Protein backbone atom coordinates (compact mmCIF):
# COMPACT_ATOMS: atom_id res chain seq x y z
CA MET A 1 92.28 76.68 109.88
CA VAL A 2 89.55 76.46 107.27
CA ASP A 3 86.68 78.67 106.14
CA ARG A 4 88.42 81.87 107.18
CA LEU A 5 86.69 83.61 104.26
CA LYS A 6 83.45 81.68 104.29
CA GLY A 7 80.65 83.78 102.86
CA LYS A 8 83.07 86.35 101.42
CA ILE A 9 83.22 87.50 97.80
CA ALA A 10 86.76 88.25 96.63
CA ILE A 11 87.80 89.96 93.43
CA VAL A 12 91.45 89.52 92.48
CA PHE A 13 92.95 91.78 89.84
CA GLY A 14 96.03 90.12 88.39
CA ALA A 15 94.80 86.62 89.21
CA GLY A 16 96.61 85.05 86.28
CA SER A 17 100.27 84.14 86.08
CA SER A 18 102.71 85.68 83.61
CA GLY A 19 104.29 82.28 83.00
CA PRO A 20 104.31 78.67 84.19
CA GLY A 21 104.08 78.30 87.94
CA TRP A 22 102.53 80.39 90.68
CA GLY A 23 102.40 84.16 90.65
CA ASN A 24 101.31 86.12 93.71
CA GLY A 25 97.82 86.89 92.44
CA LYS A 26 97.18 83.35 91.24
CA ALA A 27 98.19 81.89 94.60
CA ALA A 28 96.09 84.43 96.51
CA ALA A 29 92.99 83.70 94.42
CA VAL A 30 93.32 79.95 94.96
CA LEU A 31 94.00 80.33 98.68
CA TYR A 32 91.00 82.64 99.13
CA ALA A 33 88.83 79.98 97.52
CA ARG A 34 90.31 77.21 99.67
CA GLU A 35 89.24 79.26 102.69
CA GLY A 36 85.64 79.53 101.51
CA ALA A 37 85.49 82.66 99.37
CA CYS A 38 83.78 82.92 96.00
CA VAL A 39 86.48 84.38 93.77
CA ALA A 40 86.38 86.52 90.65
CA CYS A 41 89.68 85.94 88.85
CA ILE A 42 90.46 89.04 86.80
CA ASP A 43 93.34 89.37 84.39
CA LEU A 44 94.22 91.15 81.16
CA SER A 45 94.56 87.67 79.67
CA GLU A 46 91.29 85.76 79.81
CA GLU A 47 93.26 82.53 79.33
CA ALA A 48 95.37 83.26 82.41
CA ALA A 49 92.29 84.16 84.44
CA ARG A 50 90.56 80.98 83.26
CA GLU A 51 93.51 78.80 84.30
CA THR A 52 93.23 80.10 87.87
CA ALA A 53 89.45 79.79 87.93
CA ASP A 54 89.69 76.23 86.63
CA ILE A 55 92.11 75.31 89.42
CA ILE A 56 89.62 76.65 91.96
CA ALA A 57 86.72 74.81 90.33
CA GLY A 58 88.78 71.62 90.19
CA GLU A 59 89.24 71.84 93.97
CA GLY A 60 85.51 72.25 94.51
CA GLY A 61 85.51 76.03 94.90
CA LYS A 62 83.51 78.73 93.17
CA ALA A 63 85.16 81.08 90.71
CA ILE A 64 84.61 83.04 87.54
CA ALA A 65 87.22 84.25 85.04
CA VAL A 66 86.95 87.73 83.57
CA ALA A 67 89.27 89.61 81.24
CA ALA A 68 89.75 93.27 82.17
CA ASP A 69 92.23 96.07 81.55
CA VAL A 70 93.14 97.92 84.76
CA THR A 71 94.10 101.02 82.78
CA LYS A 72 90.47 101.48 81.72
CA LEU A 73 87.81 102.34 84.28
CA ALA A 74 84.96 101.03 82.13
CA SER A 75 86.67 97.64 81.86
CA ILE A 76 87.09 97.43 85.64
CA GLU A 77 83.51 98.52 86.24
CA ALA A 78 82.28 95.79 83.89
CA ALA A 79 84.29 93.16 85.77
CA VAL A 80 82.97 94.41 89.11
CA LYS A 81 79.40 94.38 87.80
CA GLN A 82 79.77 90.82 86.52
CA THR A 83 81.19 89.70 89.85
CA GLN A 84 78.31 91.25 91.75
CA GLU A 85 75.74 89.73 89.41
CA VAL A 86 77.19 86.24 89.83
CA PHE A 87 78.19 86.23 93.49
CA GLY A 88 76.86 89.35 95.22
CA PRO A 89 78.56 92.37 96.83
CA ILE A 90 82.34 92.29 96.92
CA SER A 91 83.86 92.04 100.38
CA VAL A 92 87.57 91.55 99.47
CA LEU A 93 89.43 93.58 96.85
CA HIS A 94 92.92 92.32 95.99
CA ASN A 95 95.17 94.35 93.69
CA ASN A 96 98.11 92.44 92.27
CA VAL A 97 98.72 94.10 88.89
CA GLY A 98 102.13 95.65 88.27
CA VAL A 99 104.74 96.30 85.64
CA THR A 100 108.51 96.74 85.94
CA HIS A 101 110.37 98.97 83.50
CA MET A 102 114.12 99.14 83.84
CA GLY A 103 115.93 102.46 83.76
CA GLY A 104 116.52 105.57 85.81
CA PRO A 105 114.89 108.89 84.93
CA VAL A 106 117.53 109.58 82.28
CA GLU A 107 117.25 106.22 80.49
CA LEU A 108 113.53 105.62 80.92
CA GLU A 109 111.29 106.72 78.07
CA GLU A 110 108.49 109.04 79.12
CA ALA A 111 105.84 106.75 77.64
CA ARG A 112 107.07 103.82 79.71
CA PHE A 113 107.15 105.95 82.85
CA ALA A 114 103.56 107.02 82.17
CA GLN A 115 102.55 103.40 81.65
CA ALA A 116 104.06 102.39 84.98
CA VAL A 117 102.06 105.10 86.73
CA ASP A 118 98.91 104.10 84.86
CA VAL A 119 99.25 100.40 85.67
CA ASN A 120 100.88 100.28 89.10
CA LEU A 121 99.11 103.22 90.73
CA GLY A 122 96.18 103.77 88.38
CA SER A 123 94.95 100.23 88.95
CA VAL A 124 94.62 100.89 92.69
CA TYR A 125 92.70 104.10 92.04
CA ARG A 126 90.32 102.60 89.48
CA THR A 127 89.55 99.37 91.34
CA ALA A 128 88.95 101.31 94.56
CA LYS A 129 86.68 103.71 92.70
CA ALA A 130 84.65 100.79 91.34
CA VAL A 131 84.53 98.58 94.45
CA ILE A 132 84.38 100.89 97.47
CA PRO A 133 80.78 102.03 96.79
CA GLN A 134 79.67 98.38 97.04
CA MET A 135 81.60 97.94 100.26
CA LEU A 136 80.00 101.05 101.72
CA GLU A 137 76.53 99.73 100.90
CA ALA A 138 77.40 96.35 102.42
CA GLY A 139 78.83 97.88 105.59
CA GLY A 140 82.51 97.19 105.05
CA GLY A 141 85.21 95.16 103.39
CA ALA A 142 88.93 94.52 103.11
CA ILE A 143 91.36 95.84 100.51
CA ILE A 144 94.77 94.29 99.97
CA ASN A 145 97.20 96.07 97.67
CA ILE A 146 100.40 94.35 96.61
CA SER A 147 103.25 96.83 96.62
CA SER A 148 106.93 95.94 96.90
CA LEU A 149 109.87 96.25 99.24
CA ALA A 150 111.12 98.60 96.52
CA ALA A 151 108.60 101.11 97.85
CA ILE A 152 110.87 101.74 100.84
CA ARG A 153 114.28 100.29 99.93
CA TRP A 154 116.77 100.27 97.08
CA ALA A 155 116.25 96.82 95.55
CA GLY A 156 119.48 96.58 93.60
CA TYR A 157 117.93 97.50 90.24
CA ALA A 158 117.68 100.82 88.42
CA TYR A 159 113.93 100.95 87.90
CA PHE A 160 112.92 104.47 88.86
CA SER A 161 109.26 104.13 87.85
CA TYR A 162 108.82 100.98 89.95
CA TYR A 163 110.25 102.58 93.09
CA ALA A 164 108.13 105.69 92.63
CA THR A 165 104.83 104.01 91.83
CA LYS A 166 105.10 101.35 94.52
CA ALA A 167 105.85 104.03 97.10
CA ALA A 168 102.71 105.77 95.90
CA VAL A 169 100.72 102.56 96.31
CA ASN A 170 101.81 102.43 99.95
CA GLN A 171 100.53 105.91 100.72
CA ALA A 172 97.41 105.43 98.60
CA THR A 173 96.63 102.42 100.79
CA VAL A 174 97.04 104.51 103.94
CA ALA A 175 94.81 107.24 102.50
CA ILE A 176 92.02 104.75 101.73
CA ALA A 177 92.40 103.06 105.10
CA ILE A 178 91.98 106.22 107.13
CA GLN A 179 89.28 107.83 105.00
CA TYR A 180 87.02 104.80 105.18
CA ALA A 181 87.93 103.29 108.57
CA ALA A 182 84.76 104.56 110.21
CA LYS A 183 82.74 102.95 107.41
CA GLY A 184 84.06 99.46 108.13
CA ILE A 185 86.57 99.30 105.27
CA ARG A 186 90.14 98.23 105.99
CA ALA A 187 92.99 98.74 103.53
CA ASN A 188 96.43 97.21 103.96
CA CYS A 189 99.44 96.76 101.75
CA ILE A 190 101.90 93.89 101.36
CA MET A 191 105.47 94.64 100.32
CA PRO A 192 106.99 91.45 98.90
CA GLY A 193 110.74 91.18 99.01
CA MET A 194 112.68 88.71 96.87
CA VAL A 195 110.15 86.09 95.79
CA ASP A 196 110.54 83.45 93.12
CA THR A 197 107.61 83.94 90.75
CA PRO A 198 107.22 83.87 86.95
CA MET A 199 107.39 87.67 86.90
CA ILE A 200 111.08 87.83 87.77
CA TYR A 201 111.97 85.61 84.82
CA ASN A 202 110.00 87.87 82.47
CA GLN A 203 110.93 91.28 83.87
CA ILE A 204 114.12 90.97 85.94
CA SER A 205 116.27 88.22 84.41
CA SER A 206 117.49 90.50 81.60
CA GLN A 207 119.70 92.19 84.21
CA TYR A 208 121.76 89.01 84.59
CA ALA A 209 123.78 86.73 82.36
CA SER A 210 121.32 83.92 83.02
CA ALA A 211 118.24 83.03 85.03
CA GLU A 212 120.41 80.81 87.22
CA GLU A 213 122.68 83.74 88.03
CA MET A 214 119.64 85.85 88.92
CA VAL A 215 118.27 83.24 91.29
CA ALA A 216 121.63 82.78 92.98
CA ALA A 217 122.10 86.55 93.43
CA ARG A 218 118.63 87.07 94.83
CA ASN A 219 119.05 84.14 97.22
CA ARG A 220 122.35 85.61 98.47
CA ALA A 221 120.61 88.88 99.33
CA LEU A 222 118.38 87.22 101.91
CA PRO A 223 119.32 86.48 105.52
CA GLY A 224 117.99 82.94 105.17
CA GLY A 225 119.70 82.38 101.83
CA LYS A 226 116.54 81.58 99.87
CA MET A 227 113.82 83.58 98.17
CA GLY A 228 110.21 83.30 99.23
CA ASP A 229 107.44 82.20 96.91
CA ALA A 230 103.94 83.21 95.89
CA TRP A 231 102.36 81.26 98.74
CA ASP A 232 104.19 83.40 101.29
CA ILE A 233 102.48 86.46 99.82
CA ALA A 234 99.16 84.64 99.53
CA GLN A 235 99.20 83.59 103.19
CA ALA A 236 99.82 87.17 104.29
CA SER A 237 97.02 88.32 101.99
CA LEU A 238 94.63 85.77 103.44
CA PHE A 239 95.33 86.95 106.97
CA LEU A 240 94.76 90.59 106.06
CA ALA A 241 91.56 89.73 104.18
CA SER A 242 90.17 87.71 107.07
CA ASP A 243 88.37 88.85 110.20
CA GLU A 244 91.46 87.83 112.17
CA ALA A 245 92.95 91.12 110.99
CA LYS A 246 89.88 93.22 111.90
CA PHE A 247 92.03 95.62 113.97
CA ILE A 248 94.77 95.97 111.37
CA ASN A 249 94.34 98.94 109.07
CA GLY A 250 96.65 101.19 107.06
CA VAL A 251 99.63 98.85 107.43
CA CYS A 252 102.37 98.37 104.82
CA LEU A 253 103.66 94.91 105.71
CA PRO A 254 107.06 93.63 104.52
CA VAL A 255 106.95 89.95 103.59
CA ASP A 256 110.61 89.64 102.80
CA GLY A 257 112.44 87.08 104.90
CA GLY A 258 113.99 89.85 106.96
CA GLN A 259 115.61 91.64 104.04
CA SER A 260 114.23 95.04 105.05
CA ALA A 261 116.16 94.68 108.32
CA THR A 262 119.43 94.35 106.40
CA MET A 263 121.38 96.32 103.79
CA SER A 264 121.63 93.41 101.34
CA VAL A 265 120.77 93.75 97.65
CA PRO A 266 121.28 91.18 94.87
CA LEU A 267 124.72 91.53 93.30
């Protein structure tokens, strides 16, 4: 199918990639544009946001790149204002920003725990605060929050703050969905399982002797024997952002190759 988001304005927070290749937000931004949306690519790194916007422009799509810090409401509001001025009212809000800090509550420094809350959960609060008023004026919209399978399962890693904040993102999504359902706003959450993106090499690989060992262990944890990729998450995001999902609201969707139906964790 084509033009599933024709006429839509999408703002993607975390649209850059943390390294070479395709991260979840980068893939989602490009796929939204391929399906007809005008896309605001937002990232802490303007260079990363620009790379994604340039890919979209190179394919004939419409995109802008904006640097913004999701821990600061004023920064988010400025990005939202710029998006509206260039493209019009936002109809799709996609939250893909997240940080992983290793350690249980004993090992984890309080400052790093606070940062995880501020980034992983605070970003959902601040972007919703900035975008929902526009959606209400326009008569509706779709919100997609990227959580994690770690929100509902032990993932094999001791990262207390990640489990806690991603679980909070799930319920925050439900709260938004139900509060605004009668106003035409849908909010759904995607819980990626083991996916092969630049993030795991930056934030997870330190738990293994090598990147190769990490990949092999994560592959073994999956029923199909192979991790997913950013496009698997992007395709699910596209569906939830589109009118095809108009009767889907308040859902926390595992996109995990069946891992949530098993007891497997990477060893």
